[in-house]
Protein backbone atom coordinates (compact mmCIF):
# COMPACT_ATOMS: atom_id res chain seq x y z
CA MET A 1 144.61 102.32 115.41
CA THR A 2 141.96 99.60 113.35
CA GLN A 3 142.06 100.02 109.53
CA ILE A 4 138.33 100.30 108.31
CA PRO A 5 137.30 100.59 104.87
CA MET A 6 136.47 103.70 102.96
CA TYR A 7 132.61 104.20 103.58
CA ARG A 8 132.07 107.22 101.09
CA THR A 9 131.16 107.52 97.58
CA ALA A 10 134.08 109.87 95.89
CA THR A 11 132.39 112.73 94.32
CA ALA A 12 131.05 111.86 90.96
CA THR A 13 132.65 114.18 88.30
CA LEU A 14 128.59 113.67 86.49
CA THR A 15 128.58 114.70 82.51
CA ALA A 16 125.95 117.32 81.70
CA PRO A 17 122.85 115.27 81.54
CA ARG A 18 120.53 114.66 78.33
CA ARG A 19 117.95 116.16 78.30
CA ASP A 20 114.60 115.30 76.31
CA ALA A 21 112.54 117.63 73.82
CA GLY A 22 110.97 119.20 76.27
CA GLY A 23 114.04 119.97 78.09
CA ALA A 24 113.69 116.88 81.02
CA THR A 25 116.84 115.26 82.82
CA GLU A 26 116.78 111.60 80.84
CA ASP A 27 115.88 108.77 82.55
CA LEU A 28 119.67 106.67 83.15
CA LEU A 29 118.24 103.75 81.28
CA LEU A 30 117.67 106.46 78.75
CA ARG A 31 121.01 107.53 78.60
CA PHE A 32 122.53 104.27 78.86
CA GLU A 33 120.17 103.71 75.87
CA ALA A 34 121.42 106.24 73.64
CA ALA A 35 125.21 105.42 74.58
CA PHE A 36 124.54 101.76 73.06
CA GLU A 37 122.72 103.15 69.96
CA SER A 38 126.10 105.24 69.26
CA ASP A 39 128.27 102.16 70.24
CA TYR A 40 127.30 98.79 69.77
CA SER A 41 129.85 97.33 71.80
CA LEU A 42 128.90 99.12 74.79
CA VAL A 43 127.77 96.40 77.61
CA ALA A 44 126.07 98.62 80.76
CA THR A 45 128.08 97.40 84.25
CA GLY A 46 128.08 98.28 87.86
CA ARG A 47 125.60 101.42 88.99
CA THR A 48 123.59 101.31 85.76
CA ALA A 49 123.32 97.50 85.17
CA ALA A 50 121.60 97.42 88.62
CA TRP A 51 119.94 100.17 87.79
CA ILE A 52 117.87 98.66 84.46
CA HIS A 53 117.58 95.02 86.78
CA GLY A 54 115.27 97.14 89.23
CA PHE A 55 117.72 97.90 92.07
CA ASP A 56 118.77 101.21 93.14
CA VAL A 57 122.10 101.24 94.62
CA LEU A 58 123.24 104.90 94.17
CA PRO A 59 124.41 106.89 97.15
CA PRO A 60 121.92 107.99 99.18
CA GLY A 61 120.43 111.04 97.76
CA ALA A 62 121.85 110.79 94.28
CA ASP A 63 119.50 111.34 90.97
CA GLN A 64 119.58 108.98 88.70
CA ARG A 65 119.18 111.30 85.89
CA GLU A 66 122.56 112.87 86.74
CA TRP A 67 124.39 109.68 87.35
CA PRO A 68 127.15 109.10 84.78
CA VAL A 69 126.09 105.95 82.86
CA GLU A 70 128.67 103.17 84.06
CA SER A 71 129.28 100.71 80.64
CA SER A 72 131.76 98.62 79.13
CA PRO A 73 132.86 96.89 75.88
CA ASP A 74 134.49 93.62 76.92
CA PRO A 75 132.41 91.36 79.73
CA PRO A 76 132.85 88.25 78.94
CA LEU A 77 129.91 86.61 76.65
CA ALA A 78 128.54 84.30 79.31
CA ASP A 79 128.36 87.56 81.92
CA ILE A 80 126.02 89.38 79.44
CA THR A 81 121.54 89.00 79.40
CA VAL A 82 119.33 91.65 77.79
CA ILE A 83 116.63 93.45 79.07
CA ASP A 84 114.57 95.47 77.56
CA GLY A 85 116.33 95.41 74.48
CA LEU A 86 119.86 96.32 76.34
CA PRO A 87 122.97 94.26 76.95
CA VAL A 88 123.92 93.89 80.70
CA THR A 89 125.95 92.17 83.03
CA ARG A 90 124.37 88.94 84.83
CA LEU A 91 122.89 89.90 87.74
CA ALA A 92 125.24 87.81 89.55
CA ARG A 93 128.48 89.69 88.14
CA THR A 94 126.45 92.52 88.88
CA LEU A 95 126.40 91.82 92.26
CA VAL A 96 130.10 91.18 92.10
CA ASP A 97 131.27 94.26 90.95
CA CYS A 98 128.79 96.10 93.27
CA ALA A 99 130.56 93.96 96.25
CA ALA A 100 133.97 94.98 94.76
CA ASP A 101 133.79 98.46 93.48
CA LEU A 102 131.44 100.24 95.58
CA PRO A 103 132.51 102.14 99.02
CA ARG A 104 132.00 99.37 102.26
CA LEU A 105 128.65 100.56 103.40
CA GLU A 106 127.07 101.14 99.91
CA ALA A 107 128.19 97.70 98.40
CA VAL A 108 126.85 95.80 101.77
CA ALA A 109 123.70 98.16 101.26
CA ALA A 110 123.64 96.65 97.40
CA ALA A 111 124.45 93.29 98.07
CA ASP A 112 121.32 92.78 100.88
CA GLN A 113 119.09 94.12 97.92
CA ILE A 114 119.99 91.99 95.29
CA LEU A 115 120.74 89.05 97.35
CA ARG A 116 116.98 89.55 98.83
CA ALA A 117 116.03 88.67 95.70
CA GLY A 118 117.37 85.80 95.30
CA ILE A 119 120.89 84.82 93.34
CA ASP A 120 122.17 81.11 92.09
CA SER A 121 124.40 80.37 94.39
CA GLY A 122 126.50 78.59 91.24
CA ALA A 123 126.26 81.55 89.18
CA LEU A 124 127.83 83.66 92.08
CA ALA A 125 130.54 81.17 92.71
CA ASP A 126 131.05 80.95 88.74
CA ALA A 127 130.83 85.59 88.87
CA LEU A 128 133.61 85.22 91.62
CA GLU A 129 135.98 83.14 89.89
CA PRO A 130 138.17 85.38 87.41
CA VAL A 131 138.15 87.96 90.32
CA HIS A 132 141.60 88.36 91.65
CA GLY A 133 143.78 90.30 94.09
CA GLU A 134 142.25 93.13 95.79
CA ARG A 135 138.39 93.02 94.74
CA LEU A 136 138.04 89.85 95.48
CA ARG A 137 139.19 90.67 99.22
CA ARG A 138 136.60 93.45 98.59
CA ALA A 139 133.86 91.17 97.40
CA ASN A 140 134.23 89.01 99.91
CA ALA A 141 133.99 91.40 103.08
CA THR A 142 131.10 92.72 101.22
CA LEU A 143 128.89 89.40 100.49
CA LEU A 144 130.37 87.93 104.16
CA ALA A 145 128.71 91.16 105.86
CA ALA A 146 125.66 90.86 103.89
CA ASP A 147 122.10 89.99 104.88
CA PRO A 148 119.12 89.88 102.61
CA ARG A 149 116.83 90.33 105.76
CA SER A 150 118.02 93.86 106.05
CA GLU A 151 114.93 95.49 104.32
CA SER A 152 115.97 98.89 103.40
CA PRO A 153 119.37 101.02 102.63
CA MET A 154 119.90 102.48 105.60
CA GLU A 155 118.89 99.01 107.60
CA SER A 156 121.83 98.04 106.23
CA TRP A 157 124.44 100.64 106.74
CA THR A 158 123.44 100.34 110.55
CA ARG A 159 124.11 96.50 110.50
CA CYS A 160 127.14 97.48 108.78
CA LEU A 161 128.88 99.68 111.06
CA ILE A 162 127.80 98.10 114.05
CA GLY A 163 129.38 94.75 112.45
CA ASP A 164 132.28 97.34 111.56
CA ALA A 165 132.61 98.45 115.53
CA GLY A 166 132.90 94.78 116.64
CA LEU A 167 130.01 94.79 118.65
CA PRO A 168 127.79 91.90 118.28
CA ALA A 169 126.10 90.93 115.06
CA PRO A 170 122.09 92.08 115.50
CA VAL A 171 118.83 89.90 113.55
CA PRO A 172 117.51 91.60 111.18
CA GLN A 173 113.68 92.08 111.68
CA LEU A 174 113.58 90.47 114.44
CA ARG A 175 110.32 89.06 115.49
CA VAL A 176 109.49 89.74 119.39
CA ARG A 177 106.32 87.67 120.60
CA THR A 178 104.00 90.44 122.91
CA PRO A 179 102.02 87.99 125.47
CA ASN A 180 98.78 88.38 123.62
CA GLY A 181 100.31 86.55 120.79
CA GLN A 182 100.98 89.55 117.88
CA ALA A 183 104.32 89.79 116.51
CA LYS A 184 105.95 92.92 116.60
CA PHE A 185 109.33 93.77 114.51
CA LEU A 186 112.42 95.47 114.91
CA ASP A 187 114.74 96.12 112.18
CA LEU A 188 117.81 95.22 114.11
CA GLY A 189 118.18 93.10 117.98
CA TRP A 190 119.56 91.34 120.43
CA GLU A 191 116.81 88.88 121.66
CA GLN A 192 119.72 87.53 124.36
CA TRP A 193 119.92 91.29 125.80
CA ARG A 194 116.32 92.78 124.54
CA VAL A 195 118.19 95.67 122.73
CA GLY A 196 116.54 96.50 119.29
CA VAL A 197 118.13 99.56 117.43
CA GLU A 198 115.46 101.04 114.65
CA TYR A 199 115.85 103.54 111.98
CA ASP A 200 113.16 106.14 111.60
CA GLY A 201 112.66 107.28 108.20
CA MET A 202 109.14 107.62 108.39
CA GLY A 203 108.87 111.73 108.75
CA THR A 204 109.90 111.87 104.93
CA ASP A 205 108.72 107.91 103.55
CA LEU A 206 105.17 106.82 105.14
CA GLY A 207 104.17 109.67 106.87
CA PRO A 208 102.56 110.88 110.46
CA ALA A 209 100.35 107.67 110.14
CA ALA A 210 103.41 105.08 110.06
CA GLU A 211 105.30 107.01 112.55
CA ALA A 212 102.84 107.53 115.47
CA GLY A 213 102.35 103.57 114.89
CA ASP A 214 106.18 102.98 114.84
CA ARG A 215 106.20 104.79 118.34
CA ARG A 216 103.24 102.93 119.78
CA ARG A 217 105.16 99.74 118.68
CA HIS A 218 108.18 100.87 120.53
CA GLN A 219 106.13 101.61 123.85
CA VAL A 220 104.69 97.61 123.31
CA LEU A 221 108.10 96.73 123.29
CA ARG A 222 109.80 98.90 126.01
CA SER A 223 107.03 97.89 128.11
CA LEU A 224 108.18 94.60 127.99
CA GLY A 225 111.38 95.33 129.04
CA TRP A 226 112.91 96.16 125.75
CA GLU A 227 115.98 99.12 125.16
CA VAL A 228 115.07 100.54 121.64
CA MET A 229 117.15 102.70 120.40
CA VAL A 230 115.76 105.21 117.22
CA LEU A 231 118.74 106.64 114.91
CA THR A 232 117.73 109.05 112.26
CA ALA A 233 119.66 109.37 109.01
CA SER A 234 122.22 111.73 110.36
CA ASP A 235 122.93 109.50 113.09
CA VAL A 236 124.03 107.11 110.50
CA MET A 237 125.87 108.92 107.92
CA GLU A 238 127.17 111.62 110.05
CA HIS A 239 127.37 111.00 113.82
CA PRO A 240 127.92 106.95 114.38
CA ARG A 241 130.32 107.68 117.66
CA PRO A 242 127.63 108.24 119.99
CA TRP A 243 124.92 105.95 119.50
CA LEU A 244 127.38 102.77 119.09
CA ILE A 245 128.64 103.73 122.76
CA ARG A 246 124.90 104.33 123.70
CA LEU A 247 124.81 100.32 121.83
CA ARG A 248 128.08 99.11 123.42
CA GLU A 249 126.81 100.50 126.87
CA ALA A 250 123.42 98.91 126.89
CA LEU A 251 124.45 95.61 125.51
CA LEU A 252 126.80 95.82 128.59
CA GLU A 253 124.29 96.54 131.06
CA ARG A 254 121.86 94.43 129.57
CA GLY A 255 124.38 91.41 129.95
CA TRP A 256 126.72 91.15 127.23
CA ASP A 257 130.34 90.77 128.78
CA PRO A 258 133.38 90.53 126.38
CA ASP A 259 136.45 90.55 127.51
CA LEU A 260 138.94 93.21 128.41
CA ASN A 261 141.17 92.50 125.24
CA GLU A 262 137.49 92.49 122.92
CA LEU A 263 136.43 95.78 124.49
CA ARG A 264 139.31 97.76 124.01
CA ASP A 265 139.33 96.43 120.80
CA ILE A 266 135.91 97.48 120.25
CA ASN A 267 136.58 101.02 121.44
CA GLU A 268 139.06 101.18 119.08
CA ARG A 269 137.17 100.41 116.31
CA ILE A 270 134.33 102.85 117.10
CA GLU A 271 136.63 105.67 116.17
CA ALA A 272 137.97 104.59 113.56
CA VAL A 273 134.65 104.26 112.18
CA ASN A 274 133.83 107.30 113.11
CA MET A 275 137.23 109.10 111.54
CA ALA A 276 136.15 107.01 108.33
CA LEU A 277 132.43 107.90 107.81
CA SER A 278 133.39 111.50 108.82
CA GLY A 279 136.38 111.73 106.48
CA ARG A 280 138.72 112.39 108.46
């Protein structure tokens, strides 16, 4: 069976959250600030560094007020910067740490998000240079799978699952021109076969008006001959097998023509992805 990397964050051992004078739990930045004030050798690393840089790379649904502070007393001086008076790893080092140390889907989503903000290629090469062994392999695998065009973590997760299943790589935020010259966008799409995949998070994110707008956009695309699959969080995070099989069949019906060995490998990879995500 094809080997698929770990997808899920192990359950964290959460420390009791600090509370302010009013009894409210404190922000992750404030909790690192308190830790730093008690030990000036500490430098924020990993997810904590990403949070201070302005990126939310916590697992889906995690509350940053309860997430453990991640820090280290010994990053090289060249890897450290200061934000709001607090020492944190530089953005390139933070990206490499997330790419190497987070579970596969979260690592790719974090890399997409940080790369979208812009990373100097020289700084990234310097941050990778001291990384070796399994951490380097994981970091490189994450960066190869990353694509800053994805605009949300669930889009990143969906794209990563499609790639890990061995299916053809989609284009994130694919622009489709309508006959009247307007542009419609798909979260992920294959223009050659006119197949698109959309993540439906509108019910909780942007409200009924945005959801209705998405339905109209999907109707326009379908009237132009596109097959549009709409996925929910449950599909992406818990039940990948049904929609990966539907996607495989849609691509085949639209003209994708893998050889038998490739198709056999894809079938095995879909099963491996499903088992890995379900934790079996």
